[in-house]
Amino acid sequence: RVLGFEFLHLGVNTADEKGANSFADAMNNMFGLGRTREIEQAVFVGDCFEVMKHSEIGTKGHVGFTTNNVRRALAYLKRKGVGKVDLLYREENGIPLFAFLDVELAGYKFHIKQKGS
């Protein structure tokens, strides 16, 4: 497993901020996962849920994975016919750190993120 793909989180789409907060509160109430942080577009619940305040990426949401090397992972995925979404791609000092993939399966988009970033 040179690329070291590992599950990062499940991104759940909601209609708006109110829906995201409602979902996050319900998950916390049921499982005690805690609201770990909030950013402009999402609320994180525990280590496994990113509750989106919109439904713009993926019909149902997205699945995040980490990898040992985003550049190599993208080359590997390209050989399998999977590309990246240029608008949702991030580099730092010429090193790829994050990329959304241009595939949707069962209503979910996918992204990969550099481990440790």
Protein backbone atom coordinates (compact mmCIF):
# COMPACT_ATOMS: atom_id res chain seq x y z
CA ARG A 1 0.00 0.00 0.00
CA VAL A 2 2.48 2.57 -1.20
CA LEU A 3 -0.17 5.27 -1.56
CA GLY A 4 -1.55 4.53 1.91
CA PHE A 5 -5.17 5.47 1.23
CA GLU A 6 -7.09 5.76 4.51
CA PHE A 7 -10.64 6.88 5.23
CA LEU A 8 -10.76 10.45 6.56
CA HIS A 9 -14.45 11.39 6.84
CA LEU A 10 -17.91 11.25 5.35
CA GLY A 11 -19.17 14.60 4.10
CA VAL A 12 -22.94 14.90 4.50
CA ASN A 13 -24.81 17.52 2.47
CA THR A 14 -27.52 19.63 4.08
CA ALA A 15 -29.54 22.50 2.63
CA ASP A 16 -28.07 25.27 4.77
CA GLU A 17 -26.39 26.24 8.05
CA LYS A 18 -29.54 25.46 10.05
CA GLY A 19 -29.69 21.95 8.57
CA ALA A 20 -25.99 21.37 9.25
CA ASN A 21 -26.34 22.45 12.87
CA SER A 22 -29.42 20.27 13.32
CA PHE A 23 -27.62 17.21 11.92
CA ALA A 24 -24.49 17.90 13.98
CA ASP A 25 -26.53 18.31 17.17
CA ALA A 26 -28.45 15.07 16.50
CA MET A 27 -25.21 13.10 15.90
CA ASN A 28 -23.73 14.54 19.07
CA ASN A 29 -26.88 13.75 21.04
CA MET A 30 -27.04 10.14 19.79
CA PHE A 31 -23.38 9.20 19.83
CA GLY A 32 -21.61 11.87 21.92
CA LEU A 33 -19.13 12.56 19.14
CA GLY A 34 -18.87 16.28 19.87
CA ARG A 35 -18.73 19.20 17.52
CA THR A 36 -14.99 19.31 16.98
CA ARG A 37 -14.73 22.43 14.83
CA GLU A 38 -16.64 24.68 12.48
CA ILE A 39 -15.56 26.40 9.30
CA GLU A 40 -17.46 28.67 6.91
CA GLN A 41 -18.87 25.80 4.85
CA ALA A 42 -19.14 22.93 7.36
CA VAL A 43 -19.42 21.62 10.90
CA PHE A 44 -17.21 18.70 11.93
CA VAL A 45 -18.68 16.08 14.25
CA GLY A 46 -16.11 13.82 15.86
CA ASP A 47 -13.41 12.65 13.49
CA CYS A 48 -15.70 11.03 10.97
CA PHE A 49 -18.36 13.54 9.78
CA GLU A 50 -18.07 16.80 7.88
CA VAL A 51 -21.59 18.24 7.79
CA MET A 52 -21.81 20.60 4.85
CA LYS A 53 -23.86 23.81 5.07
CA HIS A 54 -24.80 23.34 1.39
CA SER A 55 -25.32 20.60 -1.18
CA GLU A 56 -22.92 21.75 -3.89
CA ILE A 57 -20.48 18.82 -3.95
CA GLY A 58 -21.89 15.39 -4.71
CA THR A 59 -25.59 14.58 -4.79
CA LYS A 60 -25.50 13.24 -1.23
CA GLY A 61 -22.08 14.43 -0.11
CA HIS A 62 -18.48 13.29 -0.34
CA VAL A 63 -16.00 10.78 1.05
CA GLY A 64 -12.55 11.97 2.10
CA PHE A 65 -9.37 9.90 2.09
CA THR A 66 -5.82 10.70 3.10
CA THR A 67 -2.83 9.49 1.11
CA ASN A 68 0.93 9.40 1.55
CA ASN A 69 1.46 11.38 -1.67
CA VAL A 70 -1.26 13.32 -3.49
CA ARG A 71 0.81 13.70 -6.69
CA ARG A 72 1.43 9.96 -6.97
CA ALA A 73 -2.17 9.18 -6.00
CA LEU A 74 -3.45 11.46 -8.78
CA ALA A 75 -1.15 9.74 -11.30
CA TYR A 76 -2.38 6.33 -10.12
CA LEU A 77 -6.03 7.41 -10.34
CA LYS A 78 -5.49 8.97 -13.78
CA ARG A 79 -4.37 5.56 -15.07
CA LYS A 80 -7.76 4.28 -13.84
CA GLY A 81 -9.63 7.03 -15.72
CA VAL A 82 -10.20 9.29 -12.70
CA GLY A 83 -9.14 12.93 -12.84
CA LYS A 84 -9.22 15.90 -10.50
CA VAL A 85 -11.56 18.89 -10.38
CA ASP A 86 -9.31 21.88 -11.07
CA LEU A 87 -11.48 24.33 -9.11
CA LEU A 88 -11.23 22.11 -6.03
CA TYR A 89 -7.48 21.44 -6.14
CA ARG A 90 -4.93 22.94 -3.75
CA GLU A 91 -1.13 23.12 -3.87
CA GLU A 92 1.39 24.70 -1.54
CA ASN A 93 4.86 25.55 -2.85
CA GLY A 94 4.16 23.40 -5.92
CA ILE A 95 3.24 20.34 -3.83
CA PRO A 96 -0.31 18.98 -4.22
CA LEU A 97 -2.06 18.78 -0.84
CA PHE A 98 -5.74 18.28 -1.70
CA ALA A 99 -7.85 17.30 -4.70
CA PHE A 100 -11.48 16.51 -5.38
CA LEU A 101 -11.90 13.75 -7.94
CA ASP A 102 -14.11 14.01 -11.00
CA VAL A 103 -16.10 10.87 -10.23
CA GLU A 104 -19.34 10.41 -8.31
CA LEU A 105 -20.45 6.99 -7.04
CA ALA A 106 -23.83 6.34 -5.39
CA GLY A 107 -24.27 10.10 -4.99
CA TYR A 108 -20.87 10.75 -3.36
CA LYS A 109 -17.89 12.67 -4.71
CA PHE A 110 -14.41 11.83 -3.38
CA HIS A 111 -11.39 13.82 -2.31
CA ILE A 112 -7.87 12.98 -1.31
CA LYS A 113 -5.73 14.91 1.15
CA GLN A 114 -2.05 14.73 1.97
CA LYS A 115 -1.47 12.99 5.30
CA GLY A 116 -0.30 15.46 7.93
CA SER A 117 -1.55 18.57 6.14
